[in-house]
Amino acid sequence: MLDAILGLFPPVYWIAGGPQPLVFGLPSSIVYFMTLALFIAASIVAAYWDDENRGAFGVTAERVAARSGGIGG
């Protein structure tokens, strides 16, 4: 939810959009978008890992081997 708020809320970008403030030599708007992209990507990876740990995908090596008649065909 926080990803959507930060990504779709323009006033945050407008505040960071000035050309003057620099962070590590880059305009703060570029740093804002890079940080936002990393945050969203990390959220997607965390959600994937959580689903994988819960067994949401339901595909295991044993099931694949059972469907194909064993390992090696």
PDB file of N, CA and C in Angstrom:
ATOM      1  N   MET A   1       0.817  -1.186   0.000  1.00  0.00           N
ATOM      2  CA  MET A   1       0.000   0.000   0.000  1.00  0.00           C
ATOM      3  C   MET A   1       0.867   1.258   0.000  1.00  0.00           C
ATOM      4  N   LEU A   2       1.928   1.220   0.792  1.00  0.00           N
ATOM      5  CA  LEU A   2       2.831   2.368   0.846  1.00  0.00           C
ATOM      6  C   LEU A   2       3.486   2.608  -0.507  1.00  0.00           C
ATOM      7  N   ASP A   3       3.735   1.523  -1.265  1.00  0.00           N
ATOM      8  CA  ASP A   3       4.308   1.671  -2.606  1.00  0.00           C
ATOM      9  C   ASP A   3       3.411   2.526  -3.487  1.00  0.00           C
ATOM     10  N   ALA A   4       2.126   2.229  -3.474  1.00  0.00           N
ATOM     11  CA  ALA A   4       1.177   2.975  -4.303  1.00  0.00           C
ATOM     12  C   ALA A   4       1.084   4.435  -3.871  1.00  0.00           C
ATOM     13  N   ILE A   5       1.075   4.661  -2.582  1.00  0.00           N
ATOM     14  CA  ILE A   5       0.977   6.042  -2.096  1.00  0.00           C
ATOM     15  C   ILE A   5       2.199   6.844  -2.520  1.00  0.00           C
ATOM     16  N   LEU A   6       3.383   6.271  -2.322  1.00  0.00           N
ATOM     17  CA  LEU A   6       4.604   6.996  -2.692  1.00  0.00           C
ATOM     18  C   LEU A   6       4.754   7.149  -4.203  1.00  0.00           C
ATOM     19  N   GLY A   7       4.332   6.156  -4.945  1.00  0.00           N
ATOM     20  CA  GLY A   7       4.471   6.214  -6.399  1.00  0.00           C
ATOM     21  C   GLY A   7       3.455   7.094  -7.097  1.00  0.00           C
ATOM     22  N   LEU A   8       2.290   7.243  -6.507  1.00  0.00           N
ATOM     23  CA  LEU A   8       1.209   7.958  -7.183  1.00  0.00           C
ATOM     24  C   LEU A   8       0.860   9.305  -6.560  1.00  0.00           C
ATOM     25  N   PHE A   9       1.605   9.718  -5.567  1.00  0.00           N
ATOM     26  CA  PHE A   9       1.283  10.961  -4.874  1.00  0.00           C
ATOM     27  C   PHE A   9       2.213  12.067  -5.365  1.00  0.00           C
ATOM     28  N   PRO A  10       1.765  12.884  -6.326  1.00  0.00           N
ATOM     29  CA  PRO A  10       2.645  13.879  -6.949  1.00  0.00           C
ATOM     30  C   PRO A  10       3.253  14.927  -6.025  1.00  0.00           C
ATOM     31  N   PRO A  11       2.586  15.384  -4.971  1.00  0.00           N
ATOM     32  CA  PRO A  11       3.229  16.424  -4.159  1.00  0.00           C
ATOM     33  C   PRO A  11       4.594  16.014  -3.597  1.00  0.00           C
ATOM     34  N   VAL A  12       4.790  14.742  -3.334  1.00  0.00           N
ATOM     35  CA  VAL A  12       6.102  14.295  -2.854  1.00  0.00           C
ATOM     36  C   VAL A  12       7.145  14.552  -3.938  1.00  0.00           C
ATOM     37  N   TYR A  13       6.802  14.241  -5.177  1.00  0.00           N
ATOM     38  CA  TYR A  13       7.723  14.494  -6.284  1.00  0.00           C
ATOM     39  C   TYR A  13       7.927  15.988  -6.497  1.00  0.00           C
ATOM     40  N   TRP A  14       6.874  16.758  -6.371  1.00  0.00           N
ATOM     41  CA  TRP A  14       7.003  18.205  -6.570  1.00  0.00           C
ATOM     42  C   TRP A  14       7.916  18.823  -5.525  1.00  0.00           C
ATOM     43  N   ILE A  15       7.828  18.339  -4.290  1.00  0.00           N
ATOM     44  CA  ILE A  15       8.713  18.853  -3.241  1.00  0.00           C
ATOM     45  C   ILE A  15      10.162  18.513  -3.558  1.00  0.00           C
ATOM     46  N   ALA A  16      10.396  17.302  -4.045  1.00  0.00           N
ATOM     47  CA  ALA A  16      11.758  16.862  -4.343  1.00  0.00           C
ATOM     48  C   ALA A  16      12.212  17.287  -5.737  1.00  0.00           C
ATOM     49  N   GLY A  17      11.343  17.938  -6.502  1.00  0.00           N
ATOM     50  CA  GLY A  17      11.629  18.218  -7.897  1.00  0.00           C
ATOM     51  C   GLY A  17      12.470  19.439  -8.191  1.00  0.00           C
ATOM     52  N   GLY A  18      12.837  20.188  -7.204  1.00  0.00           N
ATOM     53  CA  GLY A  18      13.640  21.372  -7.473  1.00  0.00           C
ATOM     54  C   GLY A  18      15.035  21.019  -7.971  1.00  0.00           C
ATOM     55  N   PRO A  19      15.609  21.843  -8.825  1.00  0.00           N
ATOM     56  CA  PRO A  19      16.931  21.527  -9.372  1.00  0.00           C
ATOM     57  C   PRO A  19      18.073  21.764  -8.386  1.00  0.00           C
ATOM     58  N   GLN A  20      17.822  22.533  -7.354  1.00  0.00           N
ATOM     59  CA  GLN A  20      18.897  22.933  -6.449  1.00  0.00           C
ATOM     60  C   GLN A  20      19.338  21.844  -5.473  1.00  0.00           C
ATOM     61  N   PRO A  21      18.438  21.184  -4.741  1.00  0.00           N
ATOM     62  CA  PRO A  21      18.926  20.227  -3.741  1.00  0.00           C
ATOM     63  C   PRO A  21      19.562  19.012  -4.409  1.00  0.00           C
ATOM     64  N   LEU A  22      20.779  18.723  -4.018  1.00  0.00           N
ATOM     65  CA  LEU A  22      21.496  17.592  -4.579  1.00  0.00           C
ATOM     66  C   LEU A  22      21.764  16.556  -3.492  1.00  0.00           C
ATOM     67  N   VAL A  23      21.659  15.309  -3.866  1.00  0.00           N
ATOM     68  CA  VAL A  23      21.983  14.193  -2.987  1.00  0.00           C
ATOM     69  C   VAL A  23      22.990  13.342  -3.727  1.00  0.00           C
ATOM     70  N   PHE A  24      24.182  13.240  -3.208  1.00  0.00           N
ATOM     71  CA  PHE A  24      25.275  12.514  -3.857  1.00  0.00           C
ATOM     72  C   PHE A  24      25.536  13.039  -5.272  1.00  0.00           C
ATOM     73  N   GLY A  25      25.355  14.326  -5.479  1.00  0.00           N
ATOM     74  CA  GLY A  25      25.607  14.943  -6.771  1.00  0.00           C
ATOM     75  C   GLY A  25      24.488  14.799  -7.779  1.00  0.00           C
ATOM     76  N   LEU A  26      23.388  14.161  -7.410  1.00  0.00           N
ATOM     77  CA  LEU A  26      22.246  13.982  -8.308  1.00  0.00           C
ATOM     78  C   LEU A  26      21.083  14.845  -7.819  1.00  0.00           C
ATOM     79  N   PRO A  27      20.232  15.302  -8.745  1.00  0.00           N
ATOM     80  CA  PRO A  27      19.031  16.027  -8.315  1.00  0.00           C
ATOM     81  C   PRO A  27      18.180  15.137  -7.413  1.00  0.00           C
ATOM     82  N   SER A  28      17.562  15.727  -6.432  1.00  0.00           N
ATOM     83  CA  SER A  28      16.805  14.936  -5.467  1.00  0.00           C
ATOM     84  C   SER A  28      15.620  14.205  -6.106  1.00  0.00           C
ATOM     85  N   SER A  29      15.083  14.718  -7.208  1.00  0.00           N
ATOM     86  CA  SER A  29      13.981  14.009  -7.866  1.00  0.00           C
ATOM     87  C   SER A  29      14.462  12.676  -8.449  1.00  0.00           C
ATOM     88  N   ILE A  30      15.682  12.648  -8.985  1.00  0.00           N
ATOM     89  CA  ILE A  30      16.238  11.392  -9.508  1.00  0.00           C
ATOM     90  C   ILE A  30      16.464  10.417  -8.361  1.00  0.00           C
ATOM     91  N   VAL A  31      16.994  10.904  -7.261  1.00  0.00           N
ATOM     92  CA  VAL A  31      17.212  10.046  -6.088  1.00  0.00           C
ATOM     93  C   VAL A  31      15.878   9.533  -5.572  1.00  0.00           C
ATOM     94  N   TYR A  32      14.850  10.372  -5.582  1.00  0.00           N
ATOM     95  CA  TYR A  32      13.513   9.964  -5.140  1.00  0.00           C
ATOM     96  C   TYR A  32      13.001   8.799  -5.990  1.00  0.00           C
ATOM     97  N   PHE A  33      13.089   8.918  -7.310  1.00  0.00           N
ATOM     98  CA  PHE A  33      12.580   7.862  -8.177  1.00  0.00           C
ATOM     99  C   PHE A  33      13.424   6.592  -8.089  1.00  0.00           C
ATOM    100  N   MET A  34      14.732   6.724  -7.937  1.00  0.00           N
ATOM    101  CA  MET A  34      15.576   5.538  -7.789  1.00  0.00           C
ATOM    102  C   MET A  34      15.257   4.819  -6.477  1.00  0.00           C
ATOM    103  N   THR A  35      15.094   5.576  -5.406  1.00  0.00           N
ATOM    104  CA  THR A  35      14.744   4.989  -4.117  1.00  0.00           C
ATOM    105  C   THR A  35      13.370   4.345  -4.167  1.00  0.00           C
ATOM    106  N   LEU A  36      12.426   5.008  -4.807  1.00  0.00           N
ATOM    107  CA  LEU A  36      11.081   4.462  -4.943  1.00  0.00           C
ATOM    108  C   LEU A  36      11.093   3.163  -5.736  1.00  0.00           C
ATOM    109  N   ALA A  37      11.846   3.123  -6.819  1.00  0.00           N
ATOM    110  CA  ALA A  37      11.941   1.908  -7.629  1.00  0.00           C
ATOM    111  C   ALA A  37      12.539   0.755  -6.826  1.00  0.00           C
ATOM    112  N   LEU A  38      13.578   1.029  -6.063  1.00  0.00           N
ATOM    113  CA  LEU A  38      14.178  -0.016  -5.225  1.00  0.00           C
ATOM    114  C   LEU A  38      13.204  -0.485  -4.139  1.00  0.00           C
ATOM    115  N   PHE A  39      12.462   0.430  -3.553  1.00  0.00           N
ATOM    116  CA  PHE A  39      11.493   0.082  -2.523  1.00  0.00           C
ATOM    117  C   PHE A  39      10.377  -0.799  -3.084  1.00  0.00           C
ATOM    118  N   ILE A  40       9.875  -0.442  -4.265  1.00  0.00           N
ATOM    119  CA  ILE A  40       8.817  -1.235  -4.894  1.00  0.00           C
ATOM    120  C   ILE A  40       9.340  -2.612  -5.283  1.00  0.00           C
ATOM    121  N   ALA A  41      10.544  -2.671  -5.847  1.00  0.00           N
ATOM    122  CA  ALA A  41      11.134  -3.967  -6.219  1.00  0.00           C
ATOM    123  C   ALA A  41      11.350  -4.840  -4.984  1.00  0.00           C
ATOM    124  N   ALA A  42      11.828  -4.252  -3.904  1.00  0.00           N
ATOM    125  CA  ALA A  42      12.041  -5.016  -2.670  1.00  0.00           C
ATOM    126  C   ALA A  42      10.711  -5.527  -2.111  1.00  0.00           C
ATOM    127  N   SER A  43       9.650  -4.744  -2.241  1.00  0.00           N
ATOM    128  CA  SER A  43       8.332  -5.178  -1.773  1.00  0.00           C
ATOM    129  C   SER A  43       7.826  -6.361  -2.589  1.00  0.00           C
ATOM    130  N   ILE A  44       8.044  -6.331  -3.888  1.00  0.00           N
ATOM    131  CA  ILE A  44       7.623  -7.440  -4.751  1.00  0.00           C
ATOM    132  C   ILE A  44       8.402  -8.703  -4.414  1.00  0.00           C
ATOM    133  N   VAL A  45       9.708  -8.576  -4.228  1.00  0.00           N
ATOM    134  CA  VAL A  45      10.532  -9.738  -3.875  1.00  0.00           C
ATOM    135  C   VAL A  45      10.115 -10.287  -2.514  1.00  0.00           C
ATOM    136  N   ALA A  46       9.858  -9.421  -1.547  1.00  0.00           N
ATOM    137  CA  ALA A  46       9.430  -9.873  -0.218  1.00  0.00           C
ATOM    138  C   ALA A  46       8.089 -10.596  -0.299  1.00  0.00           C
ATOM    139  N   ALA A  47       7.165 -10.093  -1.100  1.00  0.00           N
ATOM    140  CA  ALA A  47       5.874 -10.760  -1.261  1.00  0.00           C
ATOM    141  C   ALA A  47       6.048 -12.123  -1.928  1.00  0.00           C
ATOM    142  N   TYR A  48       6.930 -12.201  -2.898  1.00  0.00           N
ATOM    143  CA  TYR A  48       7.194 -13.484  -3.563  1.00  0.00           C
ATOM    144  C   TYR A  48       7.765 -14.492  -2.572  1.00  0.00           C
ATOM    145  N   TRP A  49       8.762 -14.068  -1.790  1.00  0.00           N
ATOM    146  CA  TRP A  49       9.367 -14.970  -0.808  1.00  0.00           C
ATOM    147  C   TRP A  49       8.338 -15.430   0.218  1.00  0.00           C
ATOM    148  N   ASP A  50       7.470 -14.530   0.650  1.00  0.00           N
ATOM    149  CA  ASP A  50       6.432 -14.890   1.612  1.00  0.00           C
ATOM    150  C   ASP A  50       5.492 -15.934   1.012  1.00  0.00           C
ATOM    151  N   ASP A  51       5.057 -15.721  -0.215  1.00  0.00           N
ATOM    152  CA  ASP A  51       4.180 -16.689  -0.874  1.00  0.00           C
ATOM    153  C   ASP A  51       4.890 -18.030  -1.075  1.00  0.00           C
ATOM    154  N   GLU A  52       6.152 -17.979  -1.426  1.00  0.00           N
ATOM    155  CA  GLU A  52       6.925 -19.202  -1.629  1.00  0.00           C
ATOM    156  C   GLU A  52       7.053 -19.983  -0.314  1.00  0.00           C
ATOM    157  N   ASN A  53       7.296 -19.285   0.791  1.00  0.00           N
ATOM    158  CA  ASN A  53       7.415 -19.951   2.092  1.00  0.00           C
ATOM    159  C   ASN A  53       6.096 -20.560   2.554  1.00  0.00           C
ATOM    160  N   ARG A  54       4.999 -19.954   2.163  1.00  0.00           N
ATOM    161  CA  ARG A  54       3.687 -20.492   2.534  1.00  0.00           C
ATOM    162  C   ARG A  54       3.246 -21.629   1.618  1.00  0.00           C
ATOM    163  N   GLY A  55       3.977 -21.847   0.525  1.00  0.00           N
ATOM    164  CA  GLY A  55       3.600 -22.898  -0.415  1.00  0.00           C
ATOM    165  C   GLY A  55       2.485 -22.477  -1.349  1.00  0.00           C
ATOM    166  N   ALA A  56       2.369 -21.195  -1.610  1.00  0.00           N
ATOM    167  CA  ALA A  56       1.273 -20.691  -2.435  1.00  0.00           C
ATOM    168  C   ALA A  56       1.354 -21.162  -3.879  1.00  0.00           C
ATOM    169  N   PHE A  57       2.552 -21.412  -4.362  1.00  0.00           N
ATOM    170  CA  PHE A  57       2.696 -21.817  -5.760  1.00  0.00           C
ATOM    171  C   PHE A  57       2.471 -23.307  -5.924  1.00  0.00           C
ATOM    172  N   GLY A  58       2.737 -24.085  -4.894  1.00  0.00           N
ATOM    173  CA  GLY A  58       2.417 -25.501  -4.889  1.00  0.00           C
ATOM    174  C   GLY A  58       3.202 -26.361  -5.852  1.00  0.00           C
ATOM    175  N   VAL A  59       4.285 -25.870  -6.399  1.00  0.00           N
ATOM    176  CA  VAL A  59       5.091 -26.663  -7.322  1.00  0.00           C
ATOM    177  C   VAL A  59       6.394 -27.007  -6.618  1.00  0.00           C
ATOM    178  N   THR A  60       6.622 -28.285  -6.437  1.00  0.00           N
ATOM    179  CA  THR A  60       7.863 -28.733  -5.837  1.00  0.00           C
ATOM    180  C   THR A  60       8.557 -29.690  -6.797  1.00  0.00           C
ATOM    181  N   ALA A  61       9.798 -29.964  -6.546  1.00  0.00           N
ATOM    182  CA  ALA A  61      10.550 -30.877  -7.410  1.00  0.00           C
ATOM    183  C   ALA A  61       9.925 -32.268  -7.399  1.00  0.00           C
ATOM    184  N   GLU A  62       9.395 -32.681  -6.257  1.00  0.00           N
ATOM    185  CA  GLU A  62       8.780 -34.000  -6.169  1.00  0.00           C
ATOM    186  C   GLU A  62       7.522 -34.088  -7.034  1.00  0.00           C
ATOM    187  N   ARG A  63       6.710 -33.032  -7.025  1.00  0.00           N
ATOM    188  CA  ARG A  63       5.499 -33.034  -7.854  1.00  0.00           C
ATOM    189  C   ARG A  63       5.826 -33.028  -9.336  1.00  0.00           C
ATOM    190  N   VAL A  64       6.824 -32.281  -9.717  1.00  0.00           N
ATOM    191  CA  VAL A  64       7.228 -32.235 -11.125  1.00  0.00           C
ATOM    192  C   VAL A  64       7.741 -33.600 -11.546  1.00  0.00           C
ATOM    193  N   ALA A  65       8.548 -34.232 -10.704  1.00  0.00           N
ATOM    194  CA  ALA A  65       9.082 -35.550 -11.027  1.00  0.00           C
ATOM    195  C   ALA A  65       7.947 -36.587 -11.106  1.00  0.00           C
ATOM    196  N   ALA A  66       6.960 -36.483 -10.237  1.00  0.00           N
ATOM    197  CA  ALA A  66       5.851 -37.426 -10.263  1.00  0.00           C
ATOM    198  C   ALA A  66       5.015 -37.288 -11.531  1.00  0.00           C
ATOM    199  N   ARG A  67       4.841 -36.074 -11.991  1.00  0.00           N
ATOM    200  CA  ARG A  67       4.067 -35.839 -13.213  1.00  0.00           C
ATOM    201  C   ARG A  67       4.782 -36.337 -14.457  1.00  0.00           C
ATOM    202  N   SER A  68       6.111 -36.240 -14.458  1.00  0.00           N
ATOM    203  CA  SER A  68       6.854 -36.612 -15.657  1.00  0.00           C
ATOM    204  C   SER A  68       7.291 -38.066 -15.631  1.00  0.00           C
ATOM    205  N   GLY A  69       6.896 -38.804 -14.630  1.00  0.00           N
ATOM    206  CA  GLY A  69       7.243 -40.222 -14.576  1.00  0.00           C
ATOM    207  C   GLY A  69       8.588 -40.467 -13.923  1.00  0.00           C
ATOM    208  N   GLY A  70       9.056 -39.514 -13.160  1.00  0.00           N
ATOM    209  CA  GLY A  70      10.324 -39.677 -12.472  1.00  0.00           C
ATOM    210  C   GLY A  70      11.379 -38.753 -13.035  1.00  0.00           C
ATOM    211  N   ILE A  71      12.466 -38.679 -12.351  1.00  0.00           N
ATOM    212  CA  ILE A  71      13.548 -37.805 -12.796  1.00  0.00           C
ATOM    213  C   ILE A  71      14.234 -38.458 -13.989  1.00  0.00           C
ATOM    214  N   GLY A  72      14.399 -37.683 -15.031  1.00  0.00           N
ATOM    215  CA  GLY A  72      15.039 -38.201 -16.238  1.00  0.00           C
ATOM    216  C   GLY A  72      14.058 -38.778 -17.225  1.00  0.00           C
ATOM    217  N   GLY A  73      12.751 -38.647 -16.972  1.00  0.00           N
ATOM    218  CA  GLY A  73      11.757 -39.012 -17.946  1.00  0.00           C
ATOM    219  C   GLY A  73      11.292 -40.381 -17.801  1.00  0.00           C
TER     220      GLY A  73
END
